[in-house]
Amino acid sequence: MQIRGKTVLLHEQTVTGKDPFGKNITTESLVEVENVLLEPADYSAIVDELNLTGKRLAFILHIPKGDTHNWEDTKVDFYGKTFKTFGPVMEYQEELTPLDWNKRVKVEKFD
C-alpha cells in the first residue's frame, strides 16, 4: 500500500500592478496541487495553538517535494471548505526526508 495525498485548490495571488497609493494590485487564481497530505489537528495541538497565537488550528498540510507555490498567508480549499494558512512554512531538507513530503504548514477554518 502506498501513501497518497489529496488534490487541494490553492488560491494563488499574482501582482498585476500598483494602485495610486503604491499598494500592490493582485489577481487570484485557483491552482490544483496534487498529493498534499491532510493531517487533522489533535485536541492538544488545537489548545496549544489557540493559547499561543489565538488561531484555531484545523489541519496541518504536508506539501510534496519540489512544490514551488507560495503557501504563506493564503487560502486553500479541500473537503468542500476554505481554509487559510498561517505561520511560517516549515521546510525540511529534501534529500534527508523520506517519503514524498518535505514542507508543512498550519491551516485554520476560513469563514
PDB file of N, CA and C in Angstrom:
ATOM      1  N   MET A   1       0.847  -1.177   0.000  1.00  0.00           N
ATOM      2  CA  MET A   1       0.000   0.000   0.000  1.00  0.00           C
ATOM      3  C   MET A   1       0.894   1.242   0.000  1.00  0.00           C
ATOM      4  N   GLN A   2       0.559   2.191  -0.843  1.00  0.00           N
ATOM      5  CA  GLN A   2       1.347   3.414  -0.952  1.00  0.00           C
ATOM      6  C   GLN A   2       0.549   4.585  -0.383  1.00  0.00           C
ATOM      7  N   ILE A   3       1.224   5.450   0.376  1.00  0.00           N
ATOM      8  CA  ILE A   3       0.580   6.640   0.923  1.00  0.00           C
ATOM      9  C   ILE A   3       0.413   7.648  -0.209  1.00  0.00           C
ATOM     10  N   ARG A   4      -0.778   8.200  -0.330  1.00  0.00           N
ATOM     11  CA  ARG A   4      -1.062   9.169  -1.383  1.00  0.00           C
ATOM     12  C   ARG A   4      -1.898  10.289  -0.785  1.00  0.00           C
ATOM     13  N   GLY A   5      -1.541  11.530  -1.100  1.00  0.00           N
ATOM     14  CA  GLY A   5      -2.274  12.685  -0.600  1.00  0.00           C
ATOM     15  C   GLY A   5      -3.451  13.050  -1.485  1.00  0.00           C
ATOM     16  N   LYS A   6      -4.142  14.101  -1.117  1.00  0.00           N
ATOM     17  CA  LYS A   6      -5.311  14.615  -1.850  1.00  0.00           C
ATOM     18  C   LYS A   6      -4.910  15.777  -2.749  1.00  0.00           C
ATOM     19  N   THR A   7      -5.769  16.100  -3.695  1.00  0.00           N
ATOM     20  CA  THR A   7      -5.596  17.290  -4.517  1.00  0.00           C
ATOM     21  C   THR A   7      -6.337  18.438  -3.826  1.00  0.00           C
ATOM     22  N   VAL A   8      -5.641  19.551  -3.618  1.00  0.00           N
ATOM     23  CA  VAL A   8      -6.246  20.726  -2.987  1.00  0.00           C
ATOM     24  C   VAL A   8      -6.188  21.893  -3.975  1.00  0.00           C
ATOM     25  N   LEU A   9      -7.046  22.894  -3.761  1.00  0.00           N
ATOM     26  CA  LEU A   9      -7.046  24.104  -4.584  1.00  0.00           C
ATOM     27  C   LEU A   9      -6.386  25.232  -3.806  1.00  0.00           C
ATOM     28  N   LEU A  10      -5.312  25.751  -4.328  1.00  0.00           N
ATOM     29  CA  LEU A  10      -4.575  26.840  -3.712  1.00  0.00           C
ATOM     30  C   LEU A  10      -4.983  28.146  -4.381  1.00  0.00           C
ATOM     31  N   HIS A  11      -5.340  29.152  -3.577  1.00  0.00           N
ATOM     32  CA  HIS A  11      -5.680  30.481  -4.097  1.00  0.00           C
ATOM     33  C   HIS A  11      -4.378  31.256  -4.275  1.00  0.00           C
ATOM     34  N   GLU A  12      -3.869  31.260  -5.486  1.00  0.00           N
ATOM     35  CA  GLU A  12      -2.581  31.882  -5.754  1.00  0.00           C
ATOM     36  C   GLU A  12      -2.771  33.349  -6.132  1.00  0.00           C
ATOM     37  N   GLN A  13      -2.016  34.221  -5.469  1.00  0.00           N
ATOM     38  CA  GLN A  13      -2.085  35.666  -5.708  1.00  0.00           C
ATOM     39  C   GLN A  13      -0.962  36.077  -6.657  1.00  0.00           C
ATOM     40  N   THR A  14      -1.320  36.838  -7.712  1.00  0.00           N
ATOM     41  CA  THR A  14      -0.336  37.348  -8.657  1.00  0.00           C
ATOM     42  C   THR A  14      -0.421  38.868  -8.668  1.00  0.00           C
ATOM     43  N   VAL A  15       0.702  39.542  -8.486  1.00  0.00           N
ATOM     44  CA  VAL A  15       0.732  41.002  -8.506  1.00  0.00           C
ATOM     45  C   VAL A  15       0.618  41.460  -9.957  1.00  0.00           C
ATOM     46  N   THR A  16      -0.392  42.316 -10.229  1.00  0.00           N
ATOM     47  CA  THR A  16      -0.620  42.796 -11.599  1.00  0.00           C
ATOM     48  C   THR A  16      -0.317  44.277 -11.760  1.00  0.00           C
ATOM     49  N   GLY A  17      -0.001  44.956 -10.681  1.00  0.00           N
ATOM     50  CA  GLY A  17       0.315  46.376 -10.758  1.00  0.00           C
ATOM     51  C   GLY A  17       0.263  47.018  -9.391  1.00  0.00           C
ATOM     52  N   LYS A  18       0.240  48.350  -9.391  1.00  0.00           N
ATOM     53  CA  LYS A  18       0.171  49.117  -8.139  1.00  0.00           C
ATOM     54  C   LYS A  18      -0.933  50.153  -8.271  1.00  0.00           C
ATOM     55  N   ASP A  19      -1.593  50.443  -7.142  1.00  0.00           N
ATOM     56  CA  ASP A  19      -2.610  51.492  -7.135  1.00  0.00           C
ATOM     57  C   ASP A  19      -1.921  52.845  -6.920  1.00  0.00           C
ATOM     58  N   PRO A  20      -2.681  53.952  -6.989  1.00  0.00           N
ATOM     59  CA  PRO A  20      -2.067  55.275  -6.833  1.00  0.00           C
ATOM     60  C   PRO A  20      -1.341  55.498  -5.503  1.00  0.00           C
ATOM     61  N   PHE A  21      -1.651  54.668  -4.496  1.00  0.00           N
ATOM     62  CA  PHE A  21      -1.002  54.812  -3.193  1.00  0.00           C
ATOM     63  C   PHE A  21       0.197  53.877  -3.024  1.00  0.00           C
ATOM     64  N   GLY A  22       0.547  53.152  -4.078  1.00  0.00           N
ATOM     65  CA  GLY A  22       1.700  52.271  -4.049  1.00  0.00           C
ATOM     66  C   GLY A  22       1.427  50.872  -3.533  1.00  0.00           C
ATOM     67  N   LYS A  23       0.161  50.548  -3.262  1.00  0.00           N
ATOM     68  CA  LYS A  23      -0.181  49.215  -2.777  1.00  0.00           C
ATOM     69  C   LYS A  23      -0.332  48.263  -3.970  1.00  0.00           C
ATOM     70  N   ASN A  24       0.099  47.020  -3.784  1.00  0.00           N
ATOM     71  CA  ASN A  24       0.016  46.026  -4.854  1.00  0.00           C
ATOM     72  C   ASN A  24      -1.424  45.714  -5.220  1.00  0.00           C
ATOM     73  N   ILE A  25      -1.685  45.605  -6.510  1.00  0.00           N
ATOM     74  CA  ILE A  25      -2.969  45.126  -7.020  1.00  0.00           C
ATOM     75  C   ILE A  25      -2.734  43.674  -7.425  1.00  0.00           C
ATOM     76  N   THR A  26      -3.567  42.772  -6.902  1.00  0.00           N
ATOM     77  CA  THR A  26      -3.368  41.352  -7.177  1.00  0.00           C
ATOM     78  C   THR A  26      -4.602  40.736  -7.820  1.00  0.00           C
ATOM     79  N   THR A  27      -4.375  39.665  -8.546  1.00  0.00           N
ATOM     80  CA  THR A  27      -5.469  38.836  -9.046  1.00  0.00           C
ATOM     81  C   THR A  27      -5.296  37.459  -8.429  1.00  0.00           C
ATOM     82  N   GLU A  28      -6.410  36.802  -8.221  1.00  0.00           N
ATOM     83  CA  GLU A  28      -6.395  35.494  -7.579  1.00  0.00           C
ATOM     84  C   GLU A  28      -6.767  34.436  -8.595  1.00  0.00           C
ATOM     85  N   SER A  29      -6.010  33.361  -8.632  1.00  0.00           N
ATOM     86  CA  SER A  29      -6.344  32.235  -9.496  1.00  0.00           C
ATOM     87  C   SER A  29      -6.258  30.957  -8.671  1.00  0.00           C
ATOM     88  N   LEU A  30      -7.054  29.975  -9.052  1.00  0.00           N
ATOM     89  CA  LEU A  30      -7.050  28.695  -8.344  1.00  0.00           C
ATOM     90  C   LEU A  30      -6.100  27.738  -9.046  1.00  0.00           C
ATOM     91  N   VAL A  31      -5.225  27.119  -8.261  1.00  0.00           N
ATOM     92  CA  VAL A  31      -4.240  26.182  -8.783  1.00  0.00           C
ATOM     93  C   VAL A  31      -4.426  24.850  -8.065  1.00  0.00           C
ATOM     94  N   GLU A  32      -4.526  23.769  -8.824  1.00  0.00           N
ATOM     95  CA  GLU A  32      -4.616  22.444  -8.215  1.00  0.00           C
ATOM     96  C   GLU A  32      -3.220  21.975  -7.812  1.00  0.00           C
ATOM     97  N   VAL A  33      -3.093  21.533  -6.573  1.00  0.00           N
ATOM     98  CA  VAL A  33      -1.838  20.964  -6.087  1.00  0.00           C
ATOM     99  C   VAL A  33      -2.150  19.533  -5.666  1.00  0.00           C
ATOM    100  N   GLU A  34      -1.484  18.602  -6.294  1.00  0.00           N
ATOM    101  CA  GLU A  34      -1.746  17.187  -6.036  1.00  0.00           C
ATOM    102  C   GLU A  34      -0.855  16.643  -4.931  1.00  0.00           C
ATOM    103  N   ASN A  35      -1.301  15.547  -4.350  1.00  0.00           N
ATOM    104  CA  ASN A  35      -0.535  14.772  -3.376  1.00  0.00           C
ATOM    105  C   ASN A  35      -0.186  15.557  -2.109  1.00  0.00           C
ATOM    106  N   VAL A  36      -1.147  16.304  -1.593  1.00  0.00           N
ATOM    107  CA  VAL A  36      -0.967  17.022  -0.328  1.00  0.00           C
ATOM    108  C   VAL A  36      -1.579  16.173   0.791  1.00  0.00           C
ATOM    109  N   LEU A  37      -0.796  15.882   1.812  1.00  0.00           N
ATOM    110  CA  LEU A  37      -1.323  15.124   2.952  1.00  0.00           C
ATOM    111  C   LEU A  37      -2.064  16.072   3.883  1.00  0.00           C
ATOM    112  N   LEU A  38      -3.227  15.658   4.346  1.00  0.00           N
ATOM    113  CA  LEU A  38      -4.050  16.461   5.247  1.00  0.00           C
ATOM    114  C   LEU A  38      -4.064  15.782   6.612  1.00  0.00           C
ATOM    115  N   GLU A  39      -3.395  16.399   7.567  1.00  0.00           N
ATOM    116  CA  GLU A  39      -3.326  15.843   8.921  1.00  0.00           C
ATOM    117  C   GLU A  39      -4.280  16.606   9.823  1.00  0.00           C
ATOM    118  N   PRO A  40      -5.339  15.959  10.318  1.00  0.00           N
ATOM    119  CA  PRO A  40      -6.231  16.651  11.240  1.00  0.00           C
ATOM    120  C   PRO A  40      -5.492  16.974  12.536  1.00  0.00           C
ATOM    121  N   ALA A  41      -5.773  18.137  13.082  1.00  0.00           N
ATOM    122  CA  ALA A  41      -5.131  18.551  14.332  1.00  0.00           C
ATOM    123  C   ALA A  41      -5.759  17.797  15.498  1.00  0.00           C
ATOM    124  N   ASP A  42      -4.931  17.372  16.439  1.00  0.00           N
ATOM    125  CA  ASP A  42      -5.462  16.728  17.629  1.00  0.00           C
ATOM    126  C   ASP A  42      -5.802  17.787  18.679  1.00  0.00           C
ATOM    127  N   TYR A  43      -6.518  17.375  19.683  1.00  0.00           N
ATOM    128  CA  TYR A  43      -7.038  18.316  20.682  1.00  0.00           C
ATOM    129  C   TYR A  43      -5.943  19.138  21.346  1.00  0.00           C
ATOM    130  N   SER A  44      -4.853  18.498  21.750  1.00  0.00           N
ATOM    131  CA  SER A  44      -3.801  19.238  22.451  1.00  0.00           C
ATOM    132  C   SER A  44      -3.127  20.264  21.535  1.00  0.00           C
ATOM    133  N   ALA A  45      -2.961  19.939  20.247  1.00  0.00           N
ATOM    134  CA  ALA A  45      -2.370  20.896  19.307  1.00  0.00           C
ATOM    135  C   ALA A  45      -3.305  22.084  19.086  1.00  0.00           C
ATOM    136  N   ILE A  46      -4.606  21.831  19.046  1.00  0.00           N
ATOM    137  CA  ILE A  46      -5.586  22.907  18.880  1.00  0.00           C
ATOM    138  C   ILE A  46      -5.524  23.865  20.069  1.00  0.00           C
ATOM    139  N   VAL A  47      -5.523  23.309  21.283  1.00  0.00           N
ATOM    140  CA  VAL A  47      -5.479  24.122  22.502  1.00  0.00           C
ATOM    141  C   VAL A  47      -4.169  24.898  22.584  1.00  0.00           C
ATOM    142  N   ASP A  48      -3.049  24.239  22.306  1.00  0.00           N
ATOM    143  CA  ASP A  48      -1.744  24.906  22.354  1.00  0.00           C
ATOM    144  C   ASP A  48      -1.674  26.069  21.372  1.00  0.00           C
ATOM    145  N   GLU A  49      -2.124  25.847  20.141  1.00  0.00           N
ATOM    146  CA  GLU A  49      -2.071  26.905  19.120  1.00  0.00           C
ATOM    147  C   GLU A  49      -2.996  28.056  19.489  1.00  0.00           C
ATOM    148  N   LEU A  50      -4.155  27.752  20.028  1.00  0.00           N
ATOM    149  CA  LEU A  50      -5.096  28.790  20.447  1.00  0.00           C
ATOM    150  C   LEU A  50      -4.499  29.639  21.566  1.00  0.00           C
ATOM    151  N   ASN A  51      -3.838  29.010  22.519  1.00  0.00           N
ATOM    152  CA  ASN A  51      -3.208  29.745  23.619  1.00  0.00           C
ATOM    153  C   ASN A  51      -2.010  30.569  23.156  1.00  0.00           C
ATOM    154  N   LEU A  52      -1.244  30.053  22.206  1.00  0.00           N
ATOM    155  CA  LEU A  52      -0.032  30.742  21.752  1.00  0.00           C
ATOM    156  C   LEU A  52      -0.307  31.865  20.752  1.00  0.00           C
ATOM    157  N   THR A  53      -1.185  31.606  19.775  1.00  0.00           N
ATOM    158  CA  THR A  53      -1.368  32.557  18.664  1.00  0.00           C
ATOM    159  C   THR A  53      -2.774  33.120  18.540  1.00  0.00           C
ATOM    160  N   GLY A  54      -3.726  32.512  19.209  1.00  0.00           N
ATOM    161  CA  GLY A  54      -5.114  32.938  19.052  1.00  0.00           C
ATOM    162  C   GLY A  54      -5.769  32.358  17.815  1.00  0.00           C
ATOM    163  N   LYS A  55      -5.083  31.486  17.098  1.00  0.00           N
ATOM    164  CA  LYS A  55      -5.617  30.843  15.887  1.00  0.00           C
ATOM    165  C   LYS A  55      -6.128  29.461  16.247  1.00  0.00           C
ATOM    166  N   ARG A  56      -7.221  29.070  15.598  1.00  0.00           N
ATOM    167  CA  ARG A  56      -7.796  27.747  15.849  1.00  0.00           C
ATOM    168  C   ARG A  56      -7.317  26.774  14.769  1.00  0.00           C
ATOM    169  N   LEU A  57      -6.307  26.014  15.092  1.00  0.00           N
ATOM    170  CA  LEU A  57      -5.706  25.055  14.177  1.00  0.00           C
ATOM    171  C   LEU A  57      -6.731  24.002  13.763  1.00  0.00           C
ATOM    172  N   ALA A  58      -6.834  23.761  12.451  1.00  0.00           N
ATOM    173  CA  ALA A  58      -7.753  22.741  11.952  1.00  0.00           C
ATOM    174  C   ALA A  58      -6.996  21.558  11.356  1.00  0.00           C
ATOM    175  N   PHE A  59      -6.024  21.837  10.506  1.00  0.00           N
ATOM    176  CA  PHE A  59      -5.233  20.806   9.842  1.00  0.00           C
ATOM    177  C   PHE A  59      -3.789  21.262   9.731  1.00  0.00           C
ATOM    178  N   ILE A  60      -2.913  20.303   9.507  1.00  0.00           N
ATOM    179  CA  ILE A  60      -1.546  20.579   9.091  1.00  0.00           C
ATOM    180  C   ILE A  60      -1.409  19.959   7.707  1.00  0.00           C
ATOM    181  N   LEU A  61      -1.009  20.767   6.737  1.00  0.00           N
ATOM    182  CA  LEU A  61      -0.837  20.287   5.377  1.00  0.00           C
ATOM    183  C   LEU A  61       0.621  19.914   5.162  1.00  0.00           C
ATOM    184  N   HIS A  62       0.846  18.775   4.566  1.00  0.00           N
ATOM    185  CA  HIS A  62       2.186  18.325   4.222  1.00  0.00           C
ATOM    186  C   HIS A  62       2.320  18.462   2.708  1.00  0.00           C
ATOM    187  N   ILE A  63       3.251  19.311   2.275  1.00  0.00           N
ATOM    188  CA  ILE A  63       3.399  19.705   0.882  1.00  0.00           C
ATOM    189  C   ILE A  63       4.433  18.797   0.208  1.00  0.00           C
ATOM    190  N   PRO A  64       4.146  18.345  -1.030  1.00  0.00           N
ATOM    191  CA  PRO A  64       5.076  17.440  -1.699  1.00  0.00           C
ATOM    192  C   PRO A  64       6.404  18.101  -2.070  1.00  0.00           C
ATOM    193  N   LYS A  65       7.426  17.286  -2.153  1.00  0.00           N
ATOM    194  CA  LYS A  65       8.753  17.756  -2.554  1.00  0.00           C
ATOM    195  C   LYS A  65       8.675  18.382  -3.945  1.00  0.00           C
ATOM    196  N   GLY A  66       9.456  19.426  -4.156  1.00  0.00           N
ATOM    197  CA  GLY A  66       9.521  20.072  -5.459  1.00  0.00           C
ATOM    198  C   GLY A  66       8.452  21.123  -5.697  1.00  0.00           C
ATOM    199  N   ASP A  67       7.520  21.278  -4.783  1.00  0.00           N
ATOM    200  CA  ASP A  67       6.467  22.284  -4.951  1.00  0.00           C
ATOM    201  C   ASP A  67       7.054  23.680  -4.758  1.00  0.00           C
ATOM    202  N   THR A  68       6.701  24.613  -5.666  1.00  0.00           N
ATOM    203  CA  THR A  68       7.259  25.963  -5.617  1.00  0.00           C
ATOM    204  C   THR A  68       6.213  27.032  -5.330  1.00  0.00           C
ATOM    205  N   HIS A  69       4.993  26.655  -4.986  1.00  0.00           N
ATOM    206  CA  HIS A  69       3.943  27.629  -4.708  1.00  0.00           C
ATOM    207  C   HIS A  69       4.191  28.357  -3.386  1.00  0.00           C
ATOM    208  N   ASN A  70       3.620  29.542  -3.267  1.00  0.00           N
ATOM    209  CA  ASN A  70       3.700  30.306  -2.024  1.00  0.00           C
ATOM    210  C   ASN A  70       2.545  29.875  -1.119  1.00  0.00           C
ATOM    211  N   TRP A  71       2.851  29.288   0.014  1.00  0.00           N
ATOM    212  CA  TRP A  71       1.841  28.769   0.936  1.00  0.00           C
ATOM    213  C   TRP A  71       1.638  29.671   2.150  1.00  0.00           C
ATOM    214  N   GLU A  72       2.322  30.795   2.240  1.00  0.00           N
ATOM    215  CA  GLU A  72       2.190  31.664   3.407  1.00  0.00           C
ATOM    216  C   GLU A  72       1.008  32.605   3.271  1.00  0.00           C
ATOM    217  N   ASP A  73       0.167  32.648   4.310  1.00  0.00           N
ATOM    218  CA  ASP A  73      -0.996  33.542   4.386  1.00  0.00           C
ATOM    219  C   ASP A  73      -1.842  33.516   3.118  1.00  0.00           C
ATOM    220  N   THR A  74      -2.253  32.326   2.731  1.00  0.00           N
ATOM    221  CA  THR A  74      -3.093  32.174   1.553  1.00  0.00           C
ATOM    222  C   THR A  74      -4.248  31.225   1.861  1.00  0.00           C
ATOM    223  N   LYS A  75      -5.253  31.247   1.012  1.00  0.00           N
ATOM    224  CA  LYS A  75      -6.404  30.365   1.190  1.00  0.00           C
ATOM    225  C   LYS A  75      -6.183  29.071   0.416  1.00  0.00           C
ATOM    226  N   VAL A  76      -6.782  28.002   0.921  1.00  0.00           N
ATOM    227  CA  VAL A  76      -6.699  26.697   0.280  1.00  0.00           C
ATOM    228  C   VAL A  76      -8.034  25.979   0.484  1.00  0.00           C
ATOM    229  N   ASP A  77      -8.506  25.316  -0.550  1.00  0.00           N
ATOM    230  CA  ASP A  77      -9.793  24.616  -0.498  1.00  0.00           C
ATOM    231  C   ASP A  77      -9.588  23.104  -0.518  1.00  0.00           C
ATOM    232  N   PHE A  78     -10.281  22.402   0.378  1.00  0.00           N
ATOM    233  CA  PHE A  78     -10.363  20.945   0.347  1.00  0.00           C
ATOM    234  C   PHE A  78     -11.549  20.523   1.193  1.00  0.00           C
ATOM    235  N   TYR A  79     -12.061  19.345   0.932  1.00  0.00           N
ATOM    236  CA  TYR A  79     -13.266  18.829   1.595  1.00  0.00           C
ATOM    237  C   TYR A  79     -14.448  19.781   1.442  1.00  0.00           C
ATOM    238  N   GLY A  80     -14.472  20.576   0.357  1.00  0.00           N
ATOM    239  CA  GLY A  80     -15.586  21.486   0.103  1.00  0.00           C
ATOM    240  C   GLY A  80     -15.595  22.714   0.998  1.00  0.00           C
ATOM    241  N   LYS A  81     -14.512  22.972   1.702  1.00  0.00           N
ATOM    242  CA  LYS A  81     -14.426  24.130   2.600  1.00  0.00           C
ATOM    243  C   LYS A  81     -13.170  24.926   2.289  1.00  0.00           C
ATOM    244  N   THR A  82     -13.153  26.177   2.744  1.00  0.00           N
ATOM    245  CA  THR A  82     -11.999  27.042   2.547  1.00  0.00           C
ATOM    246  C   THR A  82     -11.263  27.220   3.868  1.00  0.00           C
ATOM    247  N   PHE A  83      -9.943  27.099   3.808  1.00  0.00           N
ATOM    248  CA  PHE A  83      -9.081  27.255   4.967  1.00  0.00           C
ATOM    249  C   PHE A  83      -8.047  28.326   4.648  1.00  0.00           C
ATOM    250  N   LYS A  84      -7.398  28.865   5.678  1.00  0.00           N
ATOM    251  CA  LYS A  84      -6.357  29.875   5.486  1.00  0.00           C
ATOM    252  C   LYS A  84      -5.107  29.412   6.210  1.00  0.00           C
ATOM    253  N   THR A  85      -3.990  29.486   5.505  1.00  0.00           N
ATOM    254  CA  THR A  85      -2.728  29.094   6.129  1.00  0.00           C
ATOM    255  C   THR A  85      -2.260  30.198   7.068  1.00  0.00           C
ATOM    256  N   PHE A  86      -1.507  29.811   8.080  1.00  0.00           N
ATOM    257  CA  PHE A  86      -0.923  30.800   8.997  1.00  0.00           C
ATOM    258  C   PHE A  86       0.402  30.265   9.511  1.00  0.00           C
ATOM    259  N   GLY A  87       1.218  31.187   9.954  1.00  0.00           N
ATOM    260  CA  GLY A  87       2.534  30.818  10.458  1.00  0.00           C
ATOM    261  C   GLY A  87       3.492  30.530   9.317  1.00  0.00           C
ATOM    262  N   PRO A  88       4.734  30.263   9.671  1.00  0.00           N
ATOM    263  CA  PRO A  88       5.735  30.004   8.631  1.00  0.00           C
ATOM    264  C   PRO A  88       5.553  28.612   8.027  1.00  0.00           C
ATOM    265  N   VAL A  89       6.000  28.468   6.789  1.00  0.00           N
ATOM    266  CA  VAL A  89       6.060  27.157   6.158  1.00  0.00           C
ATOM    267  C   VAL A  89       7.345  26.494   6.647  1.00  0.00           C
ATOM    268  N   MET A  90       7.219  25.357   7.278  1.00  0.00           N
ATOM    269  CA  MET A  90       8.404  24.656   7.786  1.00  0.00           C
ATOM    270  C   MET A  90       8.889  23.717   6.694  1.00  0.00           C
ATOM    271  N   GLU A  91      10.150  23.896   6.317  1.00  0.00           N
ATOM    272  CA  GLU A  91      10.715  23.101   5.220  1.00  0.00           C
ATOM    273  C   GLU A  91      11.892  22.292   5.731  1.00  0.00           C
ATOM    274  N   TYR A  92      11.922  21.027   5.341  1.00  0.00           N
ATOM    275  CA  TYR A  92      12.979  20.107   5.736  1.00  0.00           C
ATOM    276  C   TYR A  92      13.857  19.808   4.525  1.00  0.00           C
ATOM    277  N   GLN A  93      15.082  19.365   4.755  1.00  0.00           N
ATOM    278  CA  GLN A  93      15.976  19.054   3.649  1.00  0.00           C
ATOM    279  C   GLN A  93      15.397  17.919   2.816  1.00  0.00           C
ATOM    280  N   GLU A  94      15.217  18.215   1.531  1.00  0.00           N
ATOM    281  CA  GLU A  94      14.556  17.276   0.633  1.00  0.00           C
ATOM    282  C   GLU A  94      15.262  15.923   0.577  1.00  0.00           C
ATOM    283  N   GLU A  95      16.583  15.944   0.461  1.00  0.00           N
ATOM    284  CA  GLU A  95      17.326  14.687   0.303  1.00  0.00           C
ATOM    285  C   GLU A  95      17.378  13.868   1.589  1.00  0.00           C
ATOM    286  N   LEU A  96      17.130  14.487   2.735  1.00  0.00           N
ATOM    287  CA  LEU A  96      17.164  13.761   4.004  1.00  0.00           C
ATOM    288  C   LEU A  96      15.777  13.344   4.489  1.00  0.00           C
ATOM    289  N   THR A  97      14.753  13.729   3.741  1.00  0.00           N
ATOM    290  CA  THR A  97      13.382  13.448   4.147  1.00  0.00           C
ATOM    291  C   THR A  97      12.859  12.229   3.396  1.00  0.00           C
ATOM    292  N   PRO A  98      12.468  11.171   4.135  1.00  0.00           N
ATOM    293  CA  PRO A  98      11.891  10.020   3.445  1.00  0.00           C
ATOM    294  C   PRO A  98      10.489  10.363   2.934  1.00  0.00           C
ATOM    295  N   LEU A  99       9.977   9.548   2.109  1.00  0.00           N
ATOM    296  CA  LEU A  99       8.653   9.719   1.515  1.00  0.00           C
ATOM    297  C   LEU A  99       8.620  10.934   0.579  1.00  0.00           C
ATOM    298  N   ASP A 100       7.425  11.464   0.302  1.00  0.00           N
ATOM    299  CA  ASP A 100       7.257  12.472  -0.758  1.00  0.00           C
ATOM    300  C   ASP A 100       7.055  13.897  -0.267  1.00  0.00           C
ATOM    301  N   TRP A 101       7.094  14.154   1.049  1.00  0.00           N
ATOM    302  CA  TRP A 101       6.725  15.473   1.559  1.00  0.00           C
ATOM    303  C   TRP A 101       7.846  16.072   2.396  1.00  0.00           C
ATOM    304  N   ASN A 102       8.175  17.346   2.156  1.00  0.00           N
ATOM    305  CA  ASN A 102       9.250  17.960   2.933  1.00  0.00           C
ATOM    306  C   ASN A 102       8.881  19.337   3.488  1.00  0.00           C
ATOM    307  N   LYS A 103       7.639  19.768   3.315  1.00  0.00           N
ATOM    308  CA  LYS A 103       7.179  21.044   3.881  1.00  0.00           C
ATOM    309  C   LYS A 103       5.886  20.794   4.631  1.00  0.00           C
ATOM    310  N   ARG A 104       5.630  21.671   5.608  1.00  0.00           N
ATOM    311  CA  ARG A 104       4.342  21.611   6.299  1.00  0.00           C
ATOM    312  C   ARG A 104       3.903  23.001   6.677  1.00  0.00           C
ATOM    313  N   VAL A 105       2.587  23.196   6.678  1.00  0.00           N
ATOM    314  CA  VAL A 105       2.012  24.493   7.014  1.00  0.00           C
ATOM    315  C   VAL A 105       0.702  24.250   7.766  1.00  0.00           C
ATOM    316  N   LYS A 106       0.407  25.122   8.704  1.00  0.00           N
ATOM    317  CA  LYS A 106      -0.815  25.026   9.501  1.00  0.00           C
ATOM    318  C   LYS A 106      -1.945  25.789   8.814  1.00  0.00           C
ATOM    319  N   VAL A 107      -3.175  25.277   8.985  1.00  0.00           N
ATOM    320  CA  VAL A 107      -4.340  25.970   8.435  1.00  0.00           C
ATOM    321  C   VAL A 107      -5.430  26.081   9.483  1.00  0.00           C
ATOM    322  N   GLU A 108      -6.212  27.157   9.350  1.00  0.00           N
ATOM    323  CA  GLU A 108      -7.395  27.351  10.188  1.00  0.00           C
ATOM    324  C   GLU A 108      -8.601  27.484   9.272  1.00  0.00           C
ATOM    325  N   LYS A 109      -9.780  27.254   9.808  1.00  0.00           N
ATOM    326  CA  LYS A 109     -11.022  27.399   9.022  1.00  0.00           C
ATOM    327  C   LYS A 109     -11.188  28.847   8.648  1.00  0.00           C
ATOM    328  N   PHE A 110     -11.537  29.094   7.386  1.00  0.00           N
ATOM    329  CA  PHE A 110     -11.732  30.463   6.893  1.00  0.00           C
ATOM    330  C   PHE A 110     -13.212  30.665   6.660  1.00  0.00           C
ATOM    331  N   ASP A 111     -13.794  31.693   7.270  1.00  0.00           N
ATOM    332  CA  ASP A 111     -15.249  31.933   7.115  1.00  0.00           C
ATOM    333  C   ASP A 111     -15.511  32.984   6.081  1.00  0.00           C
TER     334      ASP A 111
END
